[in-house]
Amino acid sequence: MLFSLDDTPPDAPFPEVHFAETEPNGLLAVGGDLGRKRLLQAYRKGVFPWFNEDQPILWWSPDPRMVLFTDAMKIPRSLRKVLRNGGFEVSFDQAFDAVIDACAAPRSGQDGTWIVPEMRASYREMHAAGYARSVEVWHDGELVGGLYGVALGRVFFGESMFSLRSNASKVALACLCQLLHARGWPLIDCQVYSDHLASLGAVEIPRRTFNRHLEACIDSTAPPAHWPDVRQAGGDCAPLGVAAHG
């Protein structure tokens, strides 16, 4: 059953996710807007926007859901070596605009991007309000990788990542994972399956299980109070002590 959000107020609760279509997997609703109130309602229910420039806003809640538990990231030996000696530096929320623009840039084999201007503008507003966050990876002072997403409660909803240098996005994810785990955040939402994320320890879980995690970890729609302090979290990845699984 596909719902229209065009005539609903921005803070209206989302339809129950079990009504989402099975084909295409997880399509729940269409229309509405990308304002902060609607986005927060969506993420709290495990719903995210994903659409192309020639489409209306589409809202999704796929089943199963790809997630990365922050105590279970697999770090292969080659990545451990990079974390110790790769010459990368990591920061948090120091270049959000540059990260989302890099994530939106055309990639090999793709005709366009789903991170359309409307999407970028909305997530910049979410960043200004303390919800959308970024991780940056630097090499010799140049931004070479990173990721961004939405932090709500004790869950990080990953949206996109990019890498201009080998392993840079993996470094961003590993450092984010370690820091969130240290602060008691159990879960990173990866949305849908990819071989790349599976190789790093992400797993698919039933949608109902995912939403139970959200119920346990999100008790407020206020910006998270314990996001990493950029003045302490930046610098060489080696001292961050990322756990080496696998």
C-alpha atoms as a PDB file:
ATOM      1  CA  MET A   1       0.000   0.000   0.000  1.00  0.00           C
ATOM      2  CA  LEU A   2       1.539   3.290  -1.127  1.00  0.00           C
ATOM      3  CA  PHE A   3       0.656   6.397   0.896  1.00  0.00           C
ATOM      4  CA  SER A   4       0.674  10.024  -0.245  1.00  0.00           C
ATOM      5  CA  LEU A   5       2.104  12.604   2.153  1.00  0.00           C
ATOM      6  CA  ASP A   6       1.190  15.642   0.076  1.00  0.00           C
ATOM      7  CA  ASP A   7      -1.756  16.691   2.234  1.00  0.00           C
ATOM      8  CA  THR A   8      -0.293  15.788   5.624  1.00  0.00           C
ATOM      9  CA  PRO A   9       1.325  18.200   8.122  1.00  0.00           C
ATOM     10  CA  PRO A  10       5.142  18.053   8.401  1.00  0.00           C
ATOM     11  CA  ASP A  11       5.064  16.537  11.891  1.00  0.00           C
ATOM     12  CA  ALA A  12       2.408  13.914  11.113  1.00  0.00           C
ATOM     13  CA  PRO A  13       3.365  10.355  12.102  1.00  0.00           C
ATOM     14  CA  PHE A  14       4.471   8.150   9.217  1.00  0.00           C
ATOM     15  CA  PRO A  15       2.333   5.205   8.121  1.00  0.00           C
ATOM     16  CA  GLU A  16       3.189   1.926   9.805  1.00  0.00           C
ATOM     17  CA  VAL A  17       6.144   0.379   8.014  1.00  0.00           C
ATOM     18  CA  HIS A  18       4.546  -3.051   7.616  1.00  0.00           C
ATOM     19  CA  PHE A  19       2.382  -1.451   4.902  1.00  0.00           C
ATOM     20  CA  ALA A  20       5.488  -0.909   2.719  1.00  0.00           C
ATOM     21  CA  GLU A  21       5.556  -2.513  -0.709  1.00  0.00           C
ATOM     22  CA  THR A  22       7.456  -5.742  -1.236  1.00  0.00           C
ATOM     23  CA  GLU A  23       8.219  -4.745  -4.853  1.00  0.00           C
ATOM     24  CA  PRO A  24      10.000  -2.415  -4.979  1.00  0.00           C
ATOM     25  CA  ASN A  25      11.207  -3.525  -1.593  1.00  0.00           C
ATOM     26  CA  GLY A  26      10.280  -1.058   1.122  1.00  0.00           C
ATOM     27  CA  LEU A  27       8.551   1.726  -0.792  1.00  0.00           C
ATOM     28  CA  LEU A  28       6.102   3.181   1.724  1.00  0.00           C
ATOM     29  CA  ALA A  29       5.064   6.691   0.749  1.00  0.00           C
ATOM     30  CA  VAL A  30       5.412   9.432  -1.844  1.00  0.00           C
ATOM     31  CA  GLY A  31       5.392  13.220  -1.701  1.00  0.00           C
ATOM     32  CA  GLY A  32       5.520  15.571   1.235  1.00  0.00           C
ATOM     33  CA  ASP A  33       8.635  17.606   1.926  1.00  0.00           C
ATOM     34  CA  LEU A  34      12.165  17.264   3.280  1.00  0.00           C
ATOM     35  CA  GLY A  35      11.780  19.640   6.199  1.00  0.00           C
ATOM     36  CA  ARG A  36      13.318  18.848   9.570  1.00  0.00           C
ATOM     37  CA  LYS A  37      10.042  17.859  11.255  1.00  0.00           C
ATOM     38  CA  ARG A  38       9.164  15.310   8.587  1.00  0.00           C
ATOM     39  CA  LEU A  39      12.691  13.907   8.398  1.00  0.00           C
ATOM     40  CA  LEU A  40      12.812  13.388  12.156  1.00  0.00           C
ATOM     41  CA  GLN A  41       9.445  11.624  12.089  1.00  0.00           C
ATOM     42  CA  ALA A  42      10.752   9.426   9.287  1.00  0.00           C
ATOM     43  CA  TYR A  43      14.042   8.395  10.878  1.00  0.00           C
ATOM     44  CA  ARG A  44      12.426   7.660  14.194  1.00  0.00           C
ATOM     45  CA  LYS A  45      10.189   5.146  12.373  1.00  0.00           C
ATOM     46  CA  GLY A  46      13.054   3.680  10.326  1.00  0.00           C
ATOM     47  CA  VAL A  47      12.000   5.449   7.118  1.00  0.00           C
ATOM     48  CA  PHE A  48      14.350   7.359   4.809  1.00  0.00           C
ATOM     49  CA  PRO A  49      13.998   9.415   1.591  1.00  0.00           C
ATOM     50  CA  TRP A  50      15.604   8.164  -1.620  1.00  0.00           C
ATOM     51  CA  PHE A  51      14.691   9.414  -5.086  1.00  0.00           C
ATOM     52  CA  ASN A  52      16.129  10.745  -8.330  1.00  0.00           C
ATOM     53  CA  GLU A  53      15.808  14.221  -9.827  1.00  0.00           C
ATOM     54  CA  ASP A  54      12.998  13.175 -12.179  1.00  0.00           C
ATOM     55  CA  GLN A  55      10.937  11.611  -9.360  1.00  0.00           C
ATOM     56  CA  PRO A  56       8.790  12.887  -6.497  1.00  0.00           C
ATOM     57  CA  ILE A  57      10.101  12.365  -2.967  1.00  0.00           C
ATOM     58  CA  LEU A  58       9.986   8.628  -2.216  1.00  0.00           C
ATOM     59  CA  TRP A  59      10.099   7.202   1.315  1.00  0.00           C
ATOM     60  CA  TRP A  60      11.459   3.722   2.071  1.00  0.00           C
ATOM     61  CA  SER A  61      11.559   1.105   4.816  1.00  0.00           C
ATOM     62  CA  PRO A  62      13.095  -2.054   3.292  1.00  0.00           C
ATOM     63  CA  ASP A  63      12.872  -5.534   4.763  1.00  0.00           C
ATOM     64  CA  PRO A  64      15.419  -6.830   5.612  1.00  0.00           C
ATOM     65  CA  ARG A  65      17.494  -3.871   6.823  1.00  0.00           C
ATOM     66  CA  MET A  66      21.289  -3.639   6.553  1.00  0.00           C
ATOM     67  CA  VAL A  67      22.918  -2.572   9.830  1.00  0.00           C
ATOM     68  CA  LEU A  68      26.359  -2.469  11.395  1.00  0.00           C
ATOM     69  CA  PHE A  69      26.546  -3.174  15.106  1.00  0.00           C
ATOM     70  CA  THR A  70      29.280  -0.953  16.478  1.00  0.00           C
ATOM     71  CA  ASP A  71      30.935  -3.796  18.418  1.00  0.00           C
ATOM     72  CA  ALA A  72      31.132  -6.059  15.367  1.00  0.00           C
ATOM     73  CA  MET A  73      32.922  -4.219  12.581  1.00  0.00           C
ATOM     74  CA  LYS A  74      35.373  -6.471  10.755  1.00  0.00           C
ATOM     75  CA  ILE A  75      38.729  -4.822  10.211  1.00  0.00           C
ATOM     76  CA  PRO A  76      40.970  -6.882   7.919  1.00  0.00           C
ATOM     77  CA  ARG A  77      44.703  -6.899   8.454  1.00  0.00           C
ATOM     78  CA  SER A  78      45.314  -4.540   5.546  1.00  0.00           C
ATOM     79  CA  LEU A  79      42.952  -1.943   7.015  1.00  0.00           C
ATOM     80  CA  ARG A  80      44.523  -2.307  10.469  1.00  0.00           C
ATOM     81  CA  LYS A  81      47.835  -1.397   8.872  1.00  0.00           C
ATOM     82  CA  VAL A  82      46.273   1.643   7.216  1.00  0.00           C
ATOM     83  CA  LEU A  83      44.733   2.777  10.496  1.00  0.00           C
ATOM     84  CA  ARG A  84      48.139   2.604  12.157  1.00  0.00           C
ATOM     85  CA  ASN A  85      50.386   3.900   9.405  1.00  0.00           C
ATOM     86  CA  GLY A  86      48.299   5.279   6.549  1.00  0.00           C
ATOM     87  CA  GLY A  87      48.979   8.929   7.286  1.00  0.00           C
ATOM     88  CA  PHE A  88      45.277   9.787   7.533  1.00  0.00           C
ATOM     89  CA  GLU A  89      43.735  12.271   9.922  1.00  0.00           C
ATOM     90  CA  VAL A  90      40.100  12.120  10.970  1.00  0.00           C
ATOM     91  CA  SER A  91      37.776  14.897  12.103  1.00  0.00           C
ATOM     92  CA  PHE A  92      34.091  15.207  12.923  1.00  0.00           C
ATOM     93  CA  ASP A  93      31.765  17.941  11.637  1.00  0.00           C
ATOM     94  CA  GLN A  94      34.586  20.071  10.295  1.00  0.00           C
ATOM     95  CA  ALA A  95      33.564  20.029   6.609  1.00  0.00           C
ATOM     96  CA  PHE A  96      29.955  18.848   6.344  1.00  0.00           C
ATOM     97  CA  ASP A  97      29.202  20.810   3.172  1.00  0.00           C
ATOM     98  CA  ALA A  98      32.298  19.479   1.426  1.00  0.00           C
ATOM     99  CA  VAL A  99      31.463  15.899   2.433  1.00  0.00           C
ATOM    100  CA  ILE A 100      27.880  15.971   1.181  1.00  0.00           C
ATOM    101  CA  ASP A 101      28.986  17.643  -2.055  1.00  0.00           C
ATOM    102  CA  ALA A 102      31.643  14.965  -2.575  1.00  0.00           C
ATOM    103  CA  CYS A 103      29.091  12.221  -1.896  1.00  0.00           C
ATOM    104  CA  ALA A 104      26.790  13.799  -4.481  1.00  0.00           C
ATOM    105  CA  ALA A 105      29.469  14.030  -7.179  1.00  0.00           C
ATOM    106  CA  PRO A 106      29.011  11.722 -10.206  1.00  0.00           C
ATOM    107  CA  ARG A 107      30.685   8.340  -9.878  1.00  0.00           C
ATOM    108  CA  SER A 108      32.018   5.912 -12.416  1.00  0.00           C
ATOM    109  CA  GLY A 109      29.220   3.955 -14.043  1.00  0.00           C
ATOM    110  CA  GLN A 110      26.461   6.249 -12.739  1.00  0.00           C
ATOM    111  CA  ASP A 111      24.468   8.717 -14.846  1.00  0.00           C
ATOM    112  CA  GLY A 112      23.444  10.971 -11.968  1.00  0.00           C
ATOM    113  CA  THR A 113      23.032  11.196  -8.216  1.00  0.00           C
ATOM    114  CA  TRP A 114      20.199  10.663  -5.772  1.00  0.00           C
ATOM    115  CA  ILE A 115      21.684  13.386  -3.516  1.00  0.00           C
ATOM    116  CA  VAL A 116      19.858  16.075  -5.478  1.00  0.00           C
ATOM    117  CA  PRO A 117      20.094  19.813  -4.611  1.00  0.00           C
ATOM    118  CA  GLU A 118      16.851  19.637  -2.591  1.00  0.00           C
ATOM    119  CA  MET A 119      18.317  16.782  -0.551  1.00  0.00           C
ATOM    120  CA  ARG A 120      21.601  18.606   0.059  1.00  0.00           C
ATOM    121  CA  ALA A 121      19.801  21.745   1.210  1.00  0.00           C
ATOM    122  CA  SER A 122      17.639  19.784   3.667  1.00  0.00           C
ATOM    123  CA  TYR A 123      20.552  17.912   5.214  1.00  0.00           C
ATOM    124  CA  ARG A 124      22.569  21.126   5.544  1.00  0.00           C
ATOM    125  CA  GLU A 125      19.654  22.487   7.574  1.00  0.00           C
ATOM    126  CA  MET A 126      19.627  19.271   9.610  1.00  0.00           C
ATOM    127  CA  HIS A 127      23.352  19.719  10.210  1.00  0.00           C
ATOM    128  CA  ALA A 128      22.864  23.295  11.426  1.00  0.00           C
ATOM    129  CA  ALA A 129      20.260  21.971  13.873  1.00  0.00           C
ATOM    130  CA  GLY A 130      22.631  19.310  15.245  1.00  0.00           C
ATOM    131  CA  TYR A 131      21.180  16.190  13.626  1.00  0.00           C
ATOM    132  CA  ALA A 132      23.097  15.583  10.393  1.00  0.00           C
ATOM    133  CA  ARG A 133      26.770  14.823  11.079  1.00  0.00           C
ATOM    134  CA  SER A 134      29.888  14.176   9.068  1.00  0.00           C
ATOM    135  CA  VAL A 135      33.183  12.336   9.410  1.00  0.00           C
ATOM    136  CA  GLU A 136      36.103  13.654   7.373  1.00  0.00           C
ATOM    137  CA  VAL A 137      39.305  11.889   6.383  1.00  0.00           C
ATOM    138  CA  TRP A 138      42.310  14.007   5.427  1.00  0.00           C
ATOM    139  CA  HIS A 139      45.677  13.265   3.865  1.00  0.00           C
ATOM    140  CA  ASP A 140      48.322  15.988   3.732  1.00  0.00           C
ATOM    141  CA  GLY A 141      45.624  18.549   4.458  1.00  0.00           C
ATOM    142  CA  GLU A 142      43.362  17.397   1.602  1.00  0.00           C
ATOM    143  CA  LEU A 143      39.880  15.972   2.118  1.00  0.00           C
ATOM    144  CA  VAL A 144      40.101  12.467   0.606  1.00  0.00           C
ATOM    145  CA  GLY A 145      37.149  10.623   2.104  1.00  0.00           C
ATOM    146  CA  GLY A 146      34.281  10.749   4.522  1.00  0.00           C
ATOM    147  CA  LEU A 147      30.672  10.012   5.263  1.00  0.00           C
ATOM    148  CA  TYR A 148      27.554  11.732   6.536  1.00  0.00           C
ATOM    149  CA  GLY A 149      24.295  10.709   8.132  1.00  0.00           C
ATOM    150  CA  VAL A 150      21.752  11.512  10.814  1.00  0.00           C
ATOM    151  CA  ALA A 151      22.375  11.051  14.541  1.00  0.00           C
ATOM    152  CA  LEU A 152      19.240  10.491  16.591  1.00  0.00           C
ATOM    153  CA  GLY A 153      19.033   8.985  20.041  1.00  0.00           C
ATOM    154  CA  ARG A 154      21.833   6.415  20.090  1.00  0.00           C
ATOM    155  CA  VAL A 155      21.577   5.444  16.420  1.00  0.00           C
ATOM    156  CA  PHE A 156      23.571   6.772  13.482  1.00  0.00           C
ATOM    157  CA  PHE A 157      21.639   6.582  10.195  1.00  0.00           C
ATOM    158  CA  GLY A 158      24.292   6.416   7.490  1.00  0.00           C
ATOM    159  CA  GLU A 159      23.384   8.190   4.267  1.00  0.00           C
ATOM    160  CA  SER A 160      26.429   8.157   1.987  1.00  0.00           C
ATOM    161  CA  MET A 161      30.214   7.926   1.913  1.00  0.00           C
ATOM    162  CA  PHE A 162      32.940   8.773  -0.576  1.00  0.00           C
ATOM    163  CA  SER A 163      36.593   7.968  -1.110  1.00  0.00           C
ATOM    164  CA  LEU A 164      39.131   9.769  -3.296  1.00  0.00           C
ATOM    165  CA  ARG A 165      42.020   7.721  -1.925  1.00  0.00           C
ATOM    166  CA  SER A 166      42.170   3.980  -1.306  1.00  0.00           C
ATOM    167  CA  ASN A 167      40.630   2.964   2.061  1.00  0.00           C
ATOM    168  CA  ALA A 168      39.634   6.522   3.045  1.00  0.00           C
ATOM    169  CA  SER A 169      35.917   5.771   3.473  1.00  0.00           C
ATOM    170  CA  LYS A 170      36.753   2.600   5.403  1.00  0.00           C
ATOM    171  CA  VAL A 171      38.892   4.680   7.770  1.00  0.00           C
ATOM    172  CA  ALA A 172      35.956   7.051   8.296  1.00  0.00           C
ATOM    173  CA  LEU A 173      33.590   4.185   9.091  1.00  0.00           C
ATOM    174  CA  ALA A 174      36.059   2.401  11.383  1.00  0.00           C
ATOM    175  CA  CYS A 175      36.746   5.524  13.429  1.00  0.00           C
ATOM    176  CA  LEU A 176      33.054   6.400  13.638  1.00  0.00           C
ATOM    177  CA  CYS A 177      32.209   2.848  14.702  1.00  0.00           C
ATOM    178  CA  GLN A 178      34.817   2.796  17.467  1.00  0.00           C
ATOM    179  CA  LEU A 179      33.826   6.177  18.862  1.00  0.00           C
ATOM    180  CA  LEU A 180      30.101   5.406  18.833  1.00  0.00           C
ATOM    181  CA  HIS A 181      30.690   2.062  20.542  1.00  0.00           C
ATOM    182  CA  ALA A 182      32.736   3.786  23.254  1.00  0.00           C
ATOM    183  CA  ARG A 183      29.798   6.132  23.896  1.00  0.00           C
ATOM    184  CA  GLY A 184      27.172   3.389  24.071  1.00  0.00           C
ATOM    185  CA  TRP A 185      25.676   3.770  20.590  1.00  0.00           C
ATOM    186  CA  PRO A 186      25.015   0.195  19.425  1.00  0.00           C
ATOM    187  CA  LEU A 187      23.877   0.643  15.847  1.00  0.00           C
ATOM    188  CA  ILE A 188      24.717   2.203  12.481  1.00  0.00           C
ATOM    189  CA  ASP A 189      21.925   1.957   9.916  1.00  0.00           C
ATOM    190  CA  CYS A 190      23.277   1.066   6.465  1.00  0.00           C
ATOM    191  CA  GLN A 191      19.819   0.903   4.831  1.00  0.00           C
ATOM    192  CA  VAL A 192      20.266  -1.676   2.052  1.00  0.00           C
ATOM    193  CA  TYR A 193      22.664  -4.519   1.305  1.00  0.00           C
ATOM    194  CA  SER A 194      26.036  -3.986  -0.358  1.00  0.00           C
ATOM    195  CA  ASP A 195      28.968  -6.371  -0.683  1.00  0.00           C
ATOM    196  CA  HIS A 196      31.286  -3.605   0.507  1.00  0.00           C
ATOM    197  CA  LEU A 197      29.445  -3.121   3.800  1.00  0.00           C
ATOM    198  CA  ALA A 198      28.964  -6.862   4.297  1.00  0.00           C
ATOM    199  CA  SER A 199      32.737  -7.328   4.032  1.00  0.00           C
ATOM    200  CA  LEU A 200      33.124  -4.909   6.950  1.00  0.00           C
ATOM    201  CA  GLY A 201      30.687  -6.743   9.211  1.00  0.00           C
ATOM    202  CA  ALA A 202      27.307  -5.231   8.327  1.00  0.00           C
ATOM    203  CA  VAL A 203      24.425  -7.711   8.401  1.00  0.00           C
ATOM    204  CA  GLU A 204      20.820  -7.867   7.290  1.00  0.00           C
ATOM    205  CA  ILE A 205      18.177  -8.113  10.012  1.00  0.00           C
ATOM    206  CA  PRO A 206      14.377  -8.280   9.768  1.00  0.00           C
ATOM    207  CA  ARG A 207      12.657  -4.892   9.642  1.00  0.00           C
ATOM    208  CA  ARG A 208      10.684  -5.649  12.788  1.00  0.00           C
ATOM    209  CA  THR A 209      13.946  -6.341  14.647  1.00  0.00           C
ATOM    210  CA  PHE A 210      15.475  -3.130  13.339  1.00  0.00           C
ATOM    211  CA  ASN A 211      12.485  -1.130  14.536  1.00  0.00           C
ATOM    212  CA  ARG A 212      12.686  -2.718  17.977  1.00  0.00           C
ATOM    213  CA  HIS A 213      16.272  -1.424  18.157  1.00  0.00           C
ATOM    214  CA  LEU A 214      15.012   2.040  17.241  1.00  0.00           C
ATOM    215  CA  GLU A 215      12.369   1.923  19.964  1.00  0.00           C
ATOM    216  CA  ALA A 216      15.036   0.998  22.510  1.00  0.00           C
ATOM    217  CA  CYS A 217      17.615   3.553  21.360  1.00  0.00           C
ATOM    218  CA  ILE A 218      15.577   6.630  20.425  1.00  0.00           C
ATOM    219  CA  ASP A 219      13.657   8.153  23.315  1.00  0.00           C
ATOM    220  CA  SER A 220      13.714  11.763  22.097  1.00  0.00           C
ATOM    221  CA  THR A 221      13.845  13.802  18.901  1.00  0.00           C
ATOM    222  CA  ALA A 222      16.314  16.261  20.442  1.00  0.00           C
ATOM    223  CA  PRO A 223      19.820  16.433  18.917  1.00  0.00           C
ATOM    224  CA  PRO A 224      22.148  13.877  20.537  1.00  0.00           C
ATOM    225  CA  ALA A 225      24.024  15.239  23.539  1.00  0.00           C
ATOM    226  CA  HIS A 226      27.077  12.966  23.382  1.00  0.00           C
ATOM    227  CA  TRP A 227      28.348  13.299  19.835  1.00  0.00           C
ATOM    228  CA  PRO A 228      32.173  13.114  19.616  1.00  0.00           C
ATOM    229  CA  ASP A 229      33.956  16.343  20.509  1.00  0.00           C
ATOM    230  CA  VAL A 230      35.778  17.403  17.354  1.00  0.00           C
ATOM    231  CA  ARG A 231      38.576  18.988  19.378  1.00  0.00           C
ATOM    232  CA  GLN A 232      39.399  15.626  20.944  1.00  0.00           C
ATOM    233  CA  ALA A 233      38.426  13.165  18.211  1.00  0.00           C
ATOM    234  CA  GLY A 234      40.480  14.560  15.365  1.00  0.00           C
ATOM    235  CA  GLY A 235      43.973  13.441  14.493  1.00  0.00           C
ATOM    236  CA  ASP A 236      45.767  10.238  13.584  1.00  0.00           C
ATOM    237  CA  CYS A 237      43.523   7.149  13.560  1.00  0.00           C
ATOM    238  CA  ALA A 238      46.104   4.979  15.310  1.00  0.00           C
ATOM    239  CA  PRO A 239      45.396   6.151  18.892  1.00  0.00           C
ATOM    240  CA  LEU A 240      41.639   5.622  18.498  1.00  0.00           C
ATOM    241  CA  GLY A 241      41.994   1.935  19.324  1.00  0.00           C
ATOM    242  CA  VAL A 242      39.550   0.590  16.771  1.00  0.00           C
ATOM    243  CA  ALA A 243      38.786  -3.002  17.700  1.00  0.00           C
ATOM    244  CA  ALA A 244      40.133  -5.505  15.190  1.00  0.00           C
ATOM    245  CA  HIS A 245      37.543  -8.183  14.414  1.00  0.00           C
ATOM    246  CA  GLY A 246      38.029 -10.931  11.890  1.00  0.00           C
END
